[in-house]
Amino acid sequence: MEQGLLVEVLPQHVAEPMPVTLLYAHRRHLPQRVQAFMAWLTETARPYPDA
């Protein structure tokens, strides 16, 4: 049964949307892991433009 998947445990309690701000050090060359996280977060939040 343990497959490492997320399981919703309280579906009747939905969190209110909240703004997210990404802060990072201004650098000419950001580490790839930071760039990858920023790209992932942008794609994840894309369906919620007004949240």
Protein backbone atom coordinates (compact mmCIF):
# COMPACT_ATOMS: atom_id res chain seq x y z
CA MET A 1 0.00 0.00 0.00
CA GLU A 2 2.85 2.45 0.70
CA GLN A 3 3.71 3.91 -2.68
CA GLY A 4 4.99 7.30 -1.55
CA LEU A 5 1.91 9.12 -2.89
CA LEU A 6 0.20 12.07 -1.23
CA VAL A 7 -3.17 11.30 0.28
CA GLU A 8 -5.84 13.90 1.02
CA VAL A 9 -6.94 13.29 4.61
CA LEU A 10 -9.40 16.15 5.26
CA PRO A 11 -11.10 16.93 1.93
CA GLN A 12 -13.91 18.81 3.68
CA HIS A 13 -11.39 21.42 4.93
CA VAL A 14 -10.12 23.44 1.99
CA ALA A 15 -7.55 26.16 2.60
CA GLU A 16 -8.26 29.68 1.37
CA PRO A 17 -6.11 30.81 -1.57
CA MET A 18 -3.21 33.04 -0.64
CA PRO A 19 -0.61 35.00 -2.58
CA VAL A 20 2.85 33.54 -3.05
CA THR A 21 5.96 35.63 -3.48
CA LEU A 22 9.26 34.20 -4.60
CA LEU A 23 12.34 36.00 -3.24
CA TYR A 24 15.83 35.11 -4.33
CA ALA A 25 19.25 36.70 -4.45
CA HIS A 26 19.79 38.82 -7.54
CA ARG A 27 22.48 37.03 -9.47
CA ARG A 28 23.39 36.87 -13.07
CA HIS A 29 23.49 33.06 -12.99
CA LEU A 30 20.99 31.42 -10.66
CA PRO A 31 21.66 27.81 -9.65
CA GLN A 32 19.77 25.32 -11.82
CA ARG A 33 17.84 24.01 -8.82
CA VAL A 34 16.50 27.53 -8.16
CA GLN A 35 15.57 27.95 -11.82
CA ALA A 36 13.87 24.53 -11.82
CA PHE A 37 11.90 25.35 -8.67
CA MET A 38 10.80 28.71 -10.08
CA ALA A 39 9.66 27.04 -13.32
CA TRP A 40 7.80 24.32 -11.40
CA LEU A 41 6.07 26.84 -9.14
CA THR A 42 5.06 28.99 -12.11
CA GLU A 43 3.52 26.00 -13.90
CA THR A 44 1.82 24.77 -10.73
CA ALA A 45 0.24 28.19 -10.04
CA ARG A 46 -0.72 28.92 -13.66
CA PRO A 47 -4.31 27.55 -13.32
CA TYR A 48 -4.91 29.98 -10.41
CA PRO A 49 -4.16 33.47 -11.80
CA ASP A 50 -6.43 35.32 -9.35
CA ALA A 51 -5.48 33.41 -6.23
